[in-house]
Amino acid sequence: MAGGSYGGFISLEYALAYPDRVEAIMLRDTAADGSNLEIAFENARNQDRIDINWENFNRYWTGQMRDDADLKQCWSEMIGLYDHDYDPERSARAVEEGSYRHEAHNWCFQHNWDNYDLKDRLGTISAPTLVTVGRHDWITPVSCSQTIADLVPNSELVIFEESGHSPQKEEYERFQQVIRDFMRRLVPVGARA
């Protein structure tokens, strides 16, 4: 299983529900519970990179998006928080390339978020687990990944020093190497899958 950010939440849920179907787990910038939002709000308040429309920011994180266009607009207002080196043009392109489903977004934060806490179950994961995170991730900071690495018995933590929330983009070559090395240790080159 592999997942980043909210996809990491889903990957962990799947690994816990179906341990016999998971040989390894790769996580990127994710968390074991919802406490990261408290940290993220504090990080957002203390930054000077972008101006934040706090009404939209709060609606976004509480699942109060009115439609897909509203979700896209709110995302465009906060995307500047995510990269280590903010590039407004690159961020604008990313917004345009995104897919927006406000119903799914709202459901996640209205129904799933308050119940999301896997910490007491992570010790049961036996699959080798790679936990990766950008040093400057404002939304799921290193402490969230450290918690996962501390609780999953057969895990390793890799921190990307020049990345925010997306080391798979910001430190592409190193990220690919870390993933490949992890996979090669599990299935050595030349071995049959």
Protein backbone atom coordinates (compact mmCIF):
# COMPACT_ATOMS: atom_id res chain seq x y z
CA MET A 1 0.00 0.00 0.00
CA ALA A 2 1.17 3.49 -0.75
CA GLY A 3 -0.47 6.76 0.12
CA GLY A 4 0.31 10.37 0.79
CA SER A 5 -1.52 12.92 2.91
CA TYR A 6 -5.19 11.82 3.16
CA GLY A 7 -4.25 8.83 1.00
CA GLY A 8 -1.91 7.83 3.81
CA PHE A 9 -4.86 7.75 6.21
CA ILE A 10 -6.65 5.42 3.80
CA SER A 11 -3.55 3.25 3.37
CA LEU A 12 -3.17 2.83 7.12
CA GLU A 13 -6.87 2.01 7.51
CA TYR A 14 -6.58 -0.60 4.76
CA ALA A 15 -3.43 -2.14 6.23
CA LEU A 16 -5.17 -2.49 9.59
CA ALA A 17 -8.37 -3.92 8.09
CA TYR A 18 -6.64 -6.35 5.70
CA PRO A 19 -3.20 -7.20 7.09
CA ASP A 20 -2.99 -10.42 5.06
CA ARG A 21 -3.23 -8.41 1.82
CA VAL A 22 -0.40 -5.98 2.61
CA GLU A 23 3.26 -6.91 2.16
CA ALA A 24 4.62 -3.40 2.68
CA ILE A 25 3.46 0.16 3.28
CA MET A 26 4.86 3.42 1.92
CA LEU A 27 3.53 6.61 3.50
CA ARG A 28 4.18 10.24 2.63
CA ASP A 29 3.34 13.28 4.77
CA THR A 30 0.47 11.75 6.69
CA ALA A 31 -0.73 11.26 10.26
CA ALA A 32 -2.05 8.60 12.63
CA ASP A 33 -4.80 10.82 14.00
CA GLY A 34 -6.48 14.17 13.41
CA SER A 35 -4.41 16.17 15.88
CA ASN A 36 -2.28 17.55 13.05
CA LEU A 37 -5.01 20.10 12.25
CA GLU A 38 -4.37 21.89 15.54
CA ILE A 39 -0.68 22.11 14.65
CA ALA A 40 -1.50 23.13 11.08
CA PHE A 41 -3.77 25.97 12.18
CA GLU A 42 -1.01 27.26 14.44
CA ASN A 43 1.50 26.97 11.59
CA ALA A 44 -0.85 28.87 9.28
CA ARG A 45 -1.31 31.65 11.85
CA ASN A 46 2.46 32.01 12.31
CA GLN A 47 3.50 32.14 8.66
CA ASP A 48 3.98 35.26 6.53
CA ARG A 49 4.09 33.65 3.09
CA ILE A 50 0.46 34.21 2.07
CA ASP A 51 -2.54 36.17 3.28
CA ILE A 52 -5.22 33.86 4.59
CA ASN A 53 -8.95 34.37 4.26
CA TRP A 54 -9.77 32.78 7.61
CA GLU A 55 -13.46 32.30 6.86
CA ASN A 56 -12.61 30.25 3.76
CA PHE A 57 -9.76 28.48 5.54
CA ASN A 58 -12.08 27.38 8.36
CA ARG A 59 -14.83 26.33 5.95
CA TYR A 60 -12.30 24.24 4.02
CA TRP A 61 -11.07 22.34 7.08
CA THR A 62 -14.55 21.78 8.50
CA GLY A 63 -16.03 20.44 5.26
CA GLN A 64 -18.28 23.38 4.45
CA MET A 65 -17.56 23.72 0.71
CA ARG A 66 -20.58 24.91 -1.27
CA ASP A 67 -19.65 23.41 -4.64
CA ASP A 68 -16.64 22.32 -6.69
CA ALA A 69 -15.79 25.89 -7.69
CA ASP A 70 -15.80 26.96 -4.04
CA LEU A 71 -13.47 24.07 -3.16
CA LYS A 72 -11.12 25.04 -5.98
CA GLN A 73 -11.12 28.69 -4.91
CA CYS A 74 -10.37 27.84 -1.27
CA TRP A 75 -7.61 25.47 -2.34
CA SER A 76 -6.07 28.17 -4.53
CA GLU A 77 -5.96 30.51 -1.53
CA MET A 78 -3.94 28.13 0.64
CA ILE A 79 -1.82 26.12 -1.80
CA GLY A 80 1.07 28.51 -1.14
CA LEU A 81 1.51 26.94 2.30
CA TYR A 82 2.44 23.53 0.94
CA ASP A 83 5.80 23.86 -0.84
CA HIS A 84 9.16 24.55 0.77
CA ASP A 85 9.98 27.03 -2.01
CA TYR A 86 6.76 28.78 -2.97
CA ASP A 87 6.37 29.43 -6.69
CA PRO A 88 3.05 31.21 -7.39
CA GLU A 89 3.05 30.20 -11.06
CA ARG A 90 3.69 26.52 -10.30
CA SER A 91 1.01 26.61 -7.62
CA ALA A 92 -1.49 28.22 -10.00
CA ARG A 93 -0.82 25.45 -12.55
CA ALA A 94 -1.33 22.81 -9.87
CA VAL A 95 -4.69 24.36 -8.95
CA GLU A 96 -5.80 24.26 -12.58
CA GLU A 97 -4.66 20.64 -12.98
CA GLY A 98 -6.53 19.49 -9.87
CA SER A 99 -9.80 17.59 -9.58
CA TYR A 100 -12.42 18.97 -7.24
CA ARG A 101 -15.28 17.02 -5.64
CA HIS A 102 -16.71 19.06 -2.82
CA GLU A 103 -19.09 16.29 -1.68
CA ALA A 104 -16.17 13.90 -1.05
CA HIS A 105 -14.13 16.64 0.60
CA ASN A 106 -17.01 17.64 2.89
CA TRP A 107 -17.74 14.03 3.81
CA CYS A 108 -14.14 13.48 4.86
CA PHE A 109 -14.08 16.43 7.23
CA GLN A 110 -17.67 16.22 8.48
CA HIS A 111 -17.84 12.46 9.08
CA ASN A 112 -14.41 10.84 9.03
CA TRP A 113 -12.10 13.34 10.68
CA ASP A 114 -13.44 13.36 14.23
CA ASN A 115 -13.23 9.55 14.36
CA TYR A 116 -9.77 9.21 12.86
CA ASP A 117 -7.29 7.93 15.44
CA LEU A 118 -5.26 4.81 14.70
CA LYS A 119 -2.49 5.25 17.25
CA ASP A 120 -3.61 2.43 19.56
CA ARG A 121 -3.71 -0.03 16.63
CA LEU A 122 -0.50 0.81 14.75
CA GLY A 123 1.54 -1.61 16.86
CA THR A 124 -0.30 -4.50 15.18
CA ILE A 125 1.09 -3.67 11.72
CA SER A 126 3.76 -6.21 10.84
CA ALA A 127 4.42 -5.16 7.24
CA PRO A 128 7.64 -3.24 6.60
CA THR A 129 6.68 0.44 6.54
CA LEU A 130 8.46 3.39 4.99
CA VAL A 131 7.38 6.74 6.45
CA THR A 132 8.48 9.83 4.51
CA VAL A 133 7.90 13.51 5.26
CA GLY A 134 9.10 16.94 4.21
CA ARG A 135 10.92 18.84 6.96
CA HIS A 136 8.83 21.97 6.25
CA ASP A 137 5.40 20.33 5.95
CA TRP A 138 2.95 22.73 7.58
CA ILE A 139 -0.11 20.41 7.52
CA THR A 140 1.36 17.05 8.60
CA PRO A 141 4.67 18.02 10.18
CA VAL A 142 7.55 15.70 11.03
CA SER A 143 6.07 15.01 14.48
CA CYS A 144 3.09 13.26 12.83
CA SER A 145 5.37 10.97 10.82
CA GLN A 146 7.56 10.38 13.87
CA THR A 147 4.49 9.16 15.76
CA ILE A 148 3.75 6.62 13.03
CA ALA A 149 7.37 5.47 12.89
CA ASP A 150 7.49 5.13 16.68
CA LEU A 151 4.31 3.03 16.80
CA VAL A 152 4.70 0.76 13.75
CA PRO A 153 7.24 -1.93 14.77
CA ASN A 154 8.98 -2.56 11.43
CA SER A 155 9.18 1.01 10.15
CA GLU A 156 11.74 3.55 9.04
CA LEU A 157 11.42 7.32 8.86
CA VAL A 158 13.01 9.40 6.11
CA ILE A 159 12.89 13.19 6.35
CA PHE A 160 13.35 15.32 3.22
CA GLU A 161 15.11 18.47 4.37
CA GLU A 162 14.25 20.68 1.38
CA SER A 163 10.55 19.82 1.09
CA GLY A 164 7.18 20.88 2.34
CA HIS A 165 4.17 18.59 1.90
CA SER A 166 5.35 17.09 -1.40
CA PRO A 167 8.88 15.66 -1.36
CA GLN A 168 7.84 13.43 -4.28
CA LYS A 169 7.89 16.65 -6.33
CA GLU A 170 10.26 18.93 -4.44
CA GLU A 171 13.06 16.38 -4.05
CA TYR A 172 12.00 14.08 -6.87
CA GLU A 173 15.30 12.26 -7.49
CA ARG A 174 16.01 11.55 -3.83
CA PHE A 175 12.38 10.56 -3.20
CA GLN A 176 12.47 8.08 -6.11
CA GLN A 177 15.75 6.65 -4.81
CA VAL A 178 14.36 6.18 -1.29
CA ILE A 179 11.27 4.42 -2.66
CA ARG A 180 13.33 2.21 -4.99
CA ASP A 181 15.77 1.27 -2.23
CA PHE A 182 12.90 0.33 0.08
CA MET A 183 11.26 -1.80 -2.61
CA ARG A 184 14.56 -3.49 -3.56
CA ARG A 185 15.13 -4.50 0.04
CA LEU A 186 11.71 -6.19 0.02
CA VAL A 187 11.99 -7.76 -3.42
CA PRO A 188 15.65 -7.88 -4.47
CA VAL A 189 16.42 -7.21 -8.13
CA GLY A 190 16.08 -10.47 -10.07
CA ALA A 191 13.73 -12.08 -7.54
CA ARG A 192 10.30 -13.21 -8.67
CA ALA A 193 7.39 -11.29 -7.21
